[in-house]
N, C-alpha and C. Protein backbone atom coordinates (compact mmCIF):
# COMPACT_ATOMS: atom_id res chain seq x y z
N MET A 1 136.26 95.15 178.60
CA MET A 1 135.33 94.50 178.90
C MET A 1 134.50 95.19 177.41
N THR A 2 134.16 93.56 177.03
CA THR A 2 133.43 93.59 175.66
C THR A 2 132.21 94.17 175.64
N VAL A 3 131.42 94.39 174.30
CA VAL A 3 130.10 95.10 174.35
C VAL A 3 129.32 93.85 175.28
N ARG A 4 129.30 92.54 174.84
CA ARG A 4 128.75 91.37 175.24
C ARG A 4 128.77 91.42 176.58
N GLU A 5 129.89 91.40 177.20
CA GLU A 5 129.89 91.60 178.83
C GLU A 5 129.48 92.60 179.48
N ALA A 6 129.76 93.83 178.98
CA ALA A 6 129.24 94.87 179.50
C ALA A 6 127.19 94.61 179.54
N GLY A 7 126.91 94.37 178.47
CA GLY A 7 125.27 93.90 178.47
C GLY A 7 125.26 92.76 179.39
N TRP A 8 125.64 91.76 179.52
CA TRP A 8 125.72 91.03 180.54
C TRP A 8 125.29 91.67 181.80
N TRP A 9 126.54 92.21 182.21
CA TRP A 9 126.61 93.54 183.81
C TRP A 9 125.68 93.96 183.42
N ARG A 10 125.30 94.67 182.93
CA ARG A 10 124.18 95.50 183.10
C ARG A 10 122.93 94.94 183.32
N ARG A 11 122.69 93.72 182.57
CA ARG A 11 121.38 92.69 182.95
C ARG A 11 121.40 92.33 184.66
N GLN A 12 122.43 92.06 184.65
CA GLN A 12 122.36 91.24 186.00
C GLN A 12 122.52 92.64 186.85
N ARG A 13 122.71 93.77 186.86
CA ARG A 13 122.55 95.03 187.71
C ARG A 13 121.01 95.01 188.01
N VAL A 14 120.68 95.03 186.76
CA VAL A 14 118.87 95.22 186.85
C VAL A 14 118.44 94.57 187.51
N GLU A 15 118.63 93.21 186.86
CA GLU A 15 117.73 92.09 187.61
C GLU A 15 117.84 91.85 188.95
N LYS A 16 118.85 92.21 189.80
CA LYS A 16 119.45 92.27 191.23
C LYS A 16 118.73 93.32 191.85
N TYR A 17 118.59 94.60 191.49
CA TYR A 17 118.28 95.73 192.21
C TYR A 17 116.61 95.72 191.59
N VAL A 18 116.27 95.04 190.97
CA VAL A 18 114.58 95.71 190.33
C VAL A 18 113.68 95.32 191.96
N GLY A 19 114.15 94.59 192.59
CA GLY A 19 113.25 93.87 194.05
C GLY A 19 113.48 95.31 194.74
N PHE A 20 114.37 96.46 194.74
CA PHE A 20 114.33 97.68 195.67
C PHE A 20 113.86 98.60 195.15
N HIS A 21 114.06 98.61 193.62
CA HIS A 21 113.37 99.78 192.81
C HIS A 21 112.54 99.33 191.83
N PRO A 22 111.32 98.89 191.83
CA PRO A 22 110.61 98.41 190.95
C PRO A 22 110.48 99.11 189.52
N ARG A 23 110.85 100.29 189.86
CA ARG A 23 111.04 101.43 188.05
C ARG A 23 112.25 101.07 187.62
N LEU A 24 113.29 100.64 187.99
CA LEU A 24 114.92 100.78 187.57
C LEU A 24 114.62 100.19 186.14
N PRO A 25 113.86 98.84 185.58
CA PRO A 25 114.07 98.54 184.21
C PRO A 25 113.19 100.18 183.50
N ILE A 26 112.31 100.41 183.74
CA ILE A 26 111.77 101.92 182.92
C ILE A 26 112.76 102.63 182.94
N ILE A 27 113.47 103.18 184.02
CA ILE A 27 114.55 103.96 184.24
C ILE A 27 116.01 103.58 182.99
N VAL A 28 116.17 102.58 183.17
CA VAL A 28 116.93 102.15 182.30
C VAL A 28 116.64 102.07 180.72
N ALA A 29 115.52 101.78 180.32
CA ALA A 29 114.65 102.06 179.29
C ALA A 29 114.73 103.13 178.75
N GLU A 30 114.28 104.09 179.47
CA GLU A 30 113.86 105.73 179.53
C GLU A 30 115.00 106.35 179.11
N THR A 31 116.43 105.76 179.82
CA THR A 31 117.59 106.73 179.76
C THR A 31 118.61 105.95 178.28
N LEU A 32 118.21 105.30 178.01
CA LEU A 32 118.34 104.42 176.54
C LEU A 32 118.06 105.31 175.72
N LEU A 33 116.72 105.84 175.70
CA LEU A 33 116.03 106.32 174.60
C LEU A 33 116.36 107.96 174.45
N CYS A 34 116.44 108.41 175.94
CA CYS A 34 116.77 109.60 176.02
C CYS A 34 118.31 109.78 175.42
N ALA A 35 119.16 108.85 175.58
CA ALA A 35 120.25 108.81 174.64
C ALA A 35 120.56 108.90 173.31
N ASP A 36 119.42 107.96 173.00
CA ASP A 36 119.27 107.91 171.15
C ASP A 36 118.11 107.11 171.04
N PRO A 37 117.00 108.06 170.65
CA PRO A 37 115.85 107.57 170.64
C PRO A 37 115.71 106.52 169.26
N GLN A 38 116.91 106.41 168.63
CA GLN A 38 116.56 105.51 167.57
C GLN A 38 117.16 103.87 167.95
N ILE A 39 117.58 104.10 169.33
CA ILE A 39 118.20 102.96 169.84
C ILE A 39 117.59 101.64 169.93
N VAL A 40 117.83 100.34 169.54
CA VAL A 40 117.05 99.49 169.73
C VAL A 40 117.46 98.59 170.98
N LEU A 41 116.32 98.78 171.89
CA LEU A 41 116.45 98.30 173.46
C LEU A 41 116.81 96.81 173.44
N PRO A 42 117.87 96.30 174.00
CA PRO A 42 118.15 94.97 174.37
C PRO A 42 117.06 93.96 174.76
N LEU A 43 117.29 93.00 174.07
CA LEU A 43 116.13 92.10 174.32
C LEU A 43 115.57 91.51 175.96
N TRP A 44 116.90 91.49 176.43
CA TRP A 44 116.60 91.16 177.85
C TRP A 44 115.82 92.19 178.87
N LEU A 45 115.99 93.44 178.31
CA LEU A 45 115.18 94.42 178.74
C LEU A 45 113.87 94.32 178.45
N VAL A 46 113.63 94.45 177.27
CA VAL A 46 111.94 94.17 176.66
C VAL A 46 111.07 93.13 177.15
N HIS A 47 112.24 91.73 177.46
CA HIS A 47 111.32 90.73 178.09
C HIS A 47 110.99 91.13 179.37
N MET A 48 112.03 91.96 180.06
CA MET A 48 111.43 92.19 181.34
C MET A 48 109.96 92.72 181.45
N PHE A 49 109.94 93.54 180.61
CA PHE A 49 108.53 93.88 180.45
C PHE A 49 107.52 92.97 180.21
N LYS A 50 107.87 92.63 179.17
CA LYS A 50 106.77 91.64 178.59
C LYS A 50 106.54 90.42 179.60
N SER A 51 107.35 89.83 180.31
CA SER A 51 107.40 88.58 181.30
C SER A 51 106.44 88.79 182.47
N ALA A 52 106.85 90.13 183.11
CA ALA A 52 106.11 90.77 184.47
C ALA A 52 105.02 90.56 184.60
N ARG A 53 104.28 90.44 183.45
CA ARG A 53 102.48 90.03 183.74
C ARG A 53 102.53 88.50 184.00
N SER A 54 101.91 88.25 185.47
CA SER A 54 101.78 87.11 186.19
C SER A 54 100.49 86.58 185.55
N GLU A 55 100.70 85.10 185.42
CA GLU A 55 99.75 84.48 184.54
C GLU A 55 98.47 84.29 185.10
N SER A 56 98.25 84.88 186.27
CA SER A 56 97.07 84.97 187.11
C SER A 56 96.03 86.41 186.95
N THR A 57 96.81 87.19 186.30
CA THR A 57 96.30 88.49 186.18
C THR A 57 96.37 88.67 184.19
N TRP A 58 95.32 89.39 183.80
CA TRP A 58 95.59 89.63 182.48
C TRP A 58 95.32 91.11 182.41
N GLY A 59 95.83 91.94 181.60
CA GLY A 59 95.66 93.00 181.32
C GLY A 59 97.28 93.93 181.00
N MET A 60 97.17 95.34 180.71
CA MET A 60 98.77 95.81 180.42
C MET A 60 98.90 96.59 181.76
N THR A 61 98.50 95.88 182.94
CA THR A 61 98.71 96.90 184.26
C THR A 61 98.94 95.84 185.69
N GLY A 62 99.15 96.19 186.25
CA GLY A 62 99.65 95.61 187.73
C GLY A 62 100.58 96.25 188.36
N ASN A 63 101.85 95.63 188.44
CA ASN A 63 102.75 96.21 189.01
C ASN A 63 103.45 97.31 187.76
N GLU A 64 104.51 98.00 188.27
CA GLU A 64 105.26 99.20 187.75
C GLU A 64 105.70 98.68 186.47
N LEU A 65 106.52 97.34 186.25
CA LEU A 65 107.01 96.94 185.14
C LEU A 65 105.97 95.88 184.53
N ASN A 66 105.62 96.62 183.26
CA ASN A 66 104.49 95.51 182.58
C ASN A 66 104.47 96.33 181.44
N SER A 67 103.83 95.52 180.54
CA SER A 67 103.51 96.11 179.08
C SER A 67 103.16 97.32 178.49
N ALA A 68 102.39 97.82 179.65
CA ALA A 68 101.96 99.07 179.31
C ALA A 68 103.26 100.48 179.41
N SER A 69 103.83 99.98 180.38
CA SER A 69 104.79 100.97 180.57
C SER A 69 106.00 100.94 179.21
N LEU A 70 105.96 99.78 178.98
CA LEU A 70 106.92 99.88 177.71
C LEU A 70 106.29 100.61 176.39
N PHE A 71 104.95 100.35 176.38
CA PHE A 71 104.07 100.84 175.36
C PHE A 71 104.02 102.40 175.16
N GLN A 72 103.54 102.66 176.43
CA GLN A 72 103.89 104.08 176.75
C GLN A 72 105.39 104.76 176.46
N LEU A 73 106.45 104.20 176.78
CA LEU A 73 107.31 104.48 176.41
C LEU A 73 107.99 104.55 174.63
N TYR A 74 107.33 103.43 174.04
CA TYR A 74 107.61 103.89 172.89
C TYR A 74 106.60 104.92 172.48
N VAL A 75 105.75 104.94 172.90
CA VAL A 75 104.90 106.16 172.18
C VAL A 75 105.64 107.43 172.24
N ASP A 76 106.00 107.51 173.54
CA ASP A 76 106.65 108.87 174.00
C ASP A 76 108.07 109.23 173.39
N TYR A 77 108.31 108.10 172.59
CA TYR A 77 109.52 108.43 172.03
C TYR A 77 109.23 108.24 170.66
N GLY A 78 108.37 108.29 170.04
CA GLY A 78 107.94 108.37 168.97
C GLY A 78 108.09 106.98 167.86
N ARG A 79 108.55 105.93 168.96
CA ARG A 79 108.55 104.51 168.26
C ARG A 79 107.40 103.76 167.86
N TYR A 80 106.65 104.51 166.79
CA TYR A 80 105.00 104.00 166.59
C TYR A 80 105.24 102.25 166.33
N ALA A 81 106.17 102.25 165.46
CA ALA A 81 105.90 100.77 164.92
C ALA A 81 105.99 99.95 166.16
N GLU A 82 107.14 100.05 167.10
CA GLU A 82 107.11 99.01 167.89
C GLU A 82 106.06 99.19 169.17
N ALA A 83 105.41 100.27 169.31
CA ALA A 83 104.37 100.50 169.86
C ALA A 83 103.16 99.52 169.20
N THR A 84 102.84 99.88 167.97
CA THR A 84 101.44 99.02 167.93
C THR A 84 101.92 97.54 167.54
N ASN A 85 103.44 97.41 167.25
CA ASN A 85 103.67 95.78 167.12
C ASN A 85 103.25 95.09 168.69
N LEU A 86 103.63 96.03 169.47
CA LEU A 86 104.11 95.38 171.31
C LEU A 86 102.22 95.20 171.52
N LEU A 87 101.73 96.27 171.03
CA LEU A 87 99.97 96.24 171.23
C LEU A 87 98.80 94.94 170.57
N LEU A 88 99.92 94.83 169.30
CA LEU A 88 99.12 93.82 168.46
C LEU A 88 99.86 92.23 169.14
N GLU A 89 100.70 92.23 169.32
CA GLU A 89 100.95 91.34 170.44
C GLU A 89 100.35 90.83 171.28
N TYR A 90 100.39 91.89 172.17
CA TYR A 90 99.27 91.45 173.81
C TYR A 90 97.98 91.13 173.09
N ILE A 91 97.33 92.16 172.45
CA ILE A 91 95.85 91.66 172.11
C ILE A 91 95.71 90.66 171.97
N GLU A 92 96.89 89.86 170.64
CA GLU A 92 96.58 88.59 169.93
C GLU A 92 96.82 87.52 171.11
N SER A 93 97.75 87.88 172.02
CA SER A 93 98.10 86.87 173.27
C SER A 93 96.66 86.74 173.96
N PHE A 94 95.75 87.64 174.50
CA PHE A 94 94.83 87.58 174.90
C PHE A 94 93.80 86.82 174.09
N ALA A 95 93.68 87.16 172.81
CA ALA A 95 92.89 86.35 172.20
C ALA A 95 92.75 85.17 171.80
N MET A 96 94.15 84.50 171.84
CA MET A 96 94.59 83.21 171.77
C MET A 96 94.89 82.40 173.19
N LEU A 97 93.87 82.72 173.83
CA LEU A 97 93.92 82.07 175.04
C LEU A 97 93.38 80.54 174.74
N ARG A 98 94.14 79.62 175.80
CA ARG A 98 93.81 78.22 175.36
C ARG A 98 92.52 78.14 176.58
N PRO A 99 91.52 76.93 175.83
CA PRO A 99 90.41 76.96 176.45
C PRO A 99 90.09 77.03 177.95
N THR A 100 90.96 76.26 178.54
CA THR A 100 91.10 76.47 180.29
C THR A 100 91.54 77.78 180.75
N ASP A 101 91.77 78.56 179.86
CA ASP A 101 92.63 79.83 180.39
C ASP A 101 91.04 81.16 179.81
N VAL A 102 90.22 80.63 179.27
CA VAL A 102 89.38 81.61 178.67
C VAL A 102 88.61 81.99 179.99
N ILE A 103 88.38 81.37 181.07
CA ILE A 103 87.85 82.49 182.24
C ILE A 103 88.34 83.66 182.77
N CYS A 104 89.78 83.62 182.41
CA CYS A 104 90.45 84.92 182.80
C CYS A 104 89.62 85.96 182.15
N ARG A 105 89.43 85.60 180.81
CA ARG A 105 88.80 86.69 179.59
C ARG A 105 87.45 87.04 180.30
N LYS A 106 86.77 86.18 181.01
CA LYS A 106 84.91 86.15 180.94
C LYS A 106 85.29 86.87 182.65
N ARG A 107 85.90 87.22 182.85
CA ARG A 107 86.00 88.11 184.46
C ARG A 107 85.44 89.40 184.15
N PRO A 108 84.50 89.99 184.69
CA PRO A 108 84.48 91.51 184.48
C PRO A 108 85.67 92.26 184.81
N SER A 109 86.14 93.15 183.68
CA SER A 109 87.26 94.11 184.17
C SER A 109 88.59 93.26 184.20
N ALA A 110 88.49 91.87 183.52
CA ALA A 110 89.82 91.12 183.31
C ALA A 110 90.96 91.99 182.60
N ILE A 111 90.67 92.73 181.70
CA ILE A 111 91.60 93.14 180.84
C ILE A 111 91.56 94.61 181.22
N TRP A 112 92.69 95.36 181.13
CA TRP A 112 92.78 96.91 180.81
C TRP A 112 93.98 97.03 179.72
N LEU A 113 93.59 97.94 178.59
CA LEU A 113 94.29 98.43 177.67
C LEU A 113 94.72 99.88 178.20
N PRO A 114 95.61 100.26 177.90
CA PRO A 114 95.84 101.84 178.05
C PRO A 114 95.68 102.64 177.08
N TYR A 115 94.04 102.86 176.96
CA TYR A 115 93.28 103.30 175.59
C TYR A 115 93.71 104.97 175.38
N THR A 116 94.18 105.67 176.63
CA THR A 116 94.49 107.25 176.64
C THR A 116 95.73 107.14 175.53
N ALA A 117 96.59 106.15 175.82
CA ALA A 117 98.36 105.83 175.10
C ALA A 117 97.74 105.62 173.88
N ILE A 118 96.99 104.86 173.53
CA ILE A 118 96.53 104.08 172.06
C ILE A 118 95.84 104.92 171.67
N GLU A 119 95.22 105.85 172.07
CA GLU A 119 94.40 107.38 171.33
C GLU A 119 95.87 108.22 171.21
N ARG A 120 96.72 108.26 171.77
CA ARG A 120 97.83 109.40 171.42
C ARG A 120 98.54 108.90 170.28
N LEU A 121 98.76 107.55 170.42
CA LEU A 121 99.43 106.81 169.21
C LEU A 121 98.79 107.16 168.01
N TRP A 122 97.54 107.02 168.22
CA TRP A 122 96.85 107.27 167.02
C TRP A 122 96.67 108.53 166.31
N CYS A 123 96.67 109.42 167.30
CA CYS A 123 96.61 110.98 166.66
C CYS A 123 98.21 111.68 166.32
N GLN A 124 99.04 110.49 166.88
CA GLN A 124 100.41 111.06 166.46
C GLN A 124 100.43 110.74 165.07
N LEU A 125 99.99 109.15 164.59
CA LEU A 125 100.35 108.57 163.62
C LEU A 125 99.77 109.35 162.45
N GLN A 126 98.40 109.77 163.15
CA GLN A 126 97.51 111.08 161.97
C GLN A 126 98.09 112.23 161.92
N GLU A 127 98.88 112.46 162.73
CA GLU A 127 99.88 113.81 162.59
C GLU A 127 100.90 113.71 161.90
N SER A 128 101.44 112.77 161.90
CA SER A 128 102.71 112.08 160.92
C SER A 128 102.18 112.47 159.21
N ILE A 129 101.08 111.64 159.39
CA ILE A 129 100.82 111.56 157.78
C ILE A 129 100.41 112.96 157.38
N ARG A 130 99.81 114.00 158.23
CA ARG A 130 99.44 115.15 157.98
C ARG A 130 100.48 116.06 157.47
N LEU A 131 101.68 116.00 158.37
CA LEU A 131 102.84 116.60 158.02
C LEU A 131 103.35 116.12 157.19
N GLY A 132 103.31 114.62 156.27
CA GLY A 132 103.95 114.18 155.31
C GLY A 132 105.09 113.35 155.69
N HIS A 133 105.24 112.87 156.91
CA HIS A 133 106.30 111.80 157.43
C HIS A 133 106.06 110.90 157.22
N MET A 134 106.76 110.00 156.45
CA MET A 134 106.21 108.49 156.73
C MET A 134 104.78 107.96 156.40
N ILE A 135 104.39 108.34 155.22
CA ILE A 135 102.68 108.22 155.13
C ILE A 135 102.76 107.14 155.10
N ASP A 136 103.41 106.07 154.12
CA ASP A 136 103.13 104.79 153.98
C ASP A 136 102.87 103.66 155.22
N GLN A 137 104.44 103.96 156.06
CA GLN A 137 104.22 103.35 157.20
C GLN A 137 103.11 103.69 157.89
N CYS A 138 102.97 105.11 158.06
CA CYS A 138 102.12 105.23 159.27
C CYS A 138 100.30 105.00 158.97
N GLU A 139 100.05 105.02 157.42
CA GLU A 139 98.86 104.44 157.31
C GLU A 139 98.83 102.88 157.41
N LYS A 140 99.87 102.24 157.39
CA LYS A 140 100.02 101.13 157.31
C LYS A 140 99.86 100.45 158.93
N LEU A 141 100.75 101.33 159.96
CA LEU A 141 100.23 101.05 161.12
C LEU A 141 98.86 101.38 162.10
N LYS A 142 98.44 102.32 161.27
CA LYS A 142 96.75 103.00 161.46
C LYS A 142 95.88 101.72 161.41
N LYS A 143 96.13 101.23 160.05
CA LYS A 143 95.37 100.04 159.56
C LYS A 143 95.23 98.81 160.63
N LEU A 144 96.45 98.30 161.04
CA LEU A 144 96.90 97.16 161.70
C LEU A 144 96.27 97.70 162.99
N LEU A 145 96.25 99.10 163.52
CA LEU A 145 96.00 99.08 165.07
C LEU A 145 94.57 99.49 165.19
N HIS A 146 93.65 99.66 163.81
CA HIS A 146 92.00 99.82 163.91
C HIS A 146 92.19 98.22 163.73
N GLY A 147 92.40 97.37 162.97
CA GLY A 147 91.87 96.13 163.03
C GLY A 147 91.95 95.60 164.36
N ALA A 148 93.30 95.56 165.16
CA ALA A 148 93.68 94.93 166.20
C ALA A 148 92.41 95.24 167.13
N LEU A 149 92.13 96.59 167.08
CA LEU A 149 91.33 97.13 168.21
C LEU A 149 89.68 96.65 167.97
N LEU A 150 89.12 96.74 166.55
CA LEU A 150 87.97 96.42 166.47
C LEU A 150 88.03 95.13 166.47
N ASN A 151 89.10 94.13 166.20
CA ASN A 151 88.61 92.46 166.63
C ASN A 151 88.49 92.36 168.19
N HIS A 152 89.30 93.15 169.01
CA HIS A 152 89.60 93.13 170.52
C HIS A 152 88.02 93.31 170.96
N LEU A 153 87.74 94.48 170.49
CA LEU A 153 86.29 95.08 171.45
C LEU A 153 85.17 94.06 170.87
N ASN A 154 85.38 93.72 169.41
CA ASN A 154 84.22 92.56 169.24
C ASN A 154 84.50 91.27 170.63
N LEU A 155 85.46 90.90 170.69
CA LEU A 155 85.96 89.69 171.71
C LEU A 155 85.36 90.17 172.99
N VAL A 156 85.39 91.58 173.38
CA VAL A 156 85.14 92.03 174.62
C VAL A 156 83.24 91.94 174.49
N LYS A 157 82.77 92.23 173.60
CA LYS A 157 81.48 92.24 173.13
C LYS A 157 80.70 91.02 173.43
N VAL A 158 81.70 89.95 172.58
CA VAL A 158 81.31 88.92 172.82
C VAL A 158 81.21 87.95 174.45
N ASP A 159 82.32 88.66 175.15
CA ASP A 159 82.75 87.98 176.26
C ASP A 159 81.69 88.48 177.07
N SER A 160 80.95 89.64 176.34
CA SER A 160 80.21 90.50 177.62
C SER A 160 78.97 89.95 177.55
N ASP A 161 78.48 89.67 176.07
CA ASP A 161 77.35 89.13 175.89
C ASP A 161 77.28 87.60 177.05
N ASP A 162 78.25 86.85 176.64
CA ASP A 162 78.52 85.74 177.26
C ASP A 162 78.23 85.73 178.65
N VAL A 163 78.54 86.47 179.44
CA VAL A 163 78.39 86.84 180.98
C VAL A 163 77.01 87.02 181.27
N LYS A 164 76.71 87.85 180.50
CA LYS A 164 75.04 88.30 180.71
C LYS A 164 74.25 87.25 180.45
N SER A 165 74.39 86.10 179.59
CA SER A 165 73.36 85.36 179.15
C SER A 165 73.61 83.93 180.23
N SER A 166 75.11 84.04 181.09
CA SER A 166 74.82 82.85 182.12
C SER A 166 74.30 83.63 183.27
N ALA A 167 74.31 84.87 183.61
CA ALA A 167 73.75 85.10 184.63
C ALA A 167 71.95 85.04 184.45
N ALA A 168 72.09 85.31 183.24
CA ALA A 168 70.19 85.00 183.32
C ALA A 168 69.60 83.78 183.54
């Protein structure tokens, strides 16, 4: 069996049995990262996490298979660049909603981000800088993370102000 065939076979099994065990993709990703923390997760597996969000709900939560689970795995295994990029991608997609979908953003509690995991990522980046590990990369990731979170919080404030003014 070639590597490509083996990957296809694994993907078919995970997709087939995810209905029986919703944590299966998480277990597969965690097993891969345990075996080799530097491994690049297969795109089909990452796509399962990213596409699990239904179009009717927003936020990195919902069922067990979601972007927050992947983000948490990245943070747990020291994959800071991937965690930051995933969060940036998520926040950007949320901010770039089409005018017809903006109402999803305006609902109270329409979005939830894993703030404790984000804070943990921030602290781990600071610790890496303090220890002298990958200083330039960690500084860059902190700057990207800080900017994205500021933009997100400003957007939430604007949305909150809009809701308050429309209720008055």
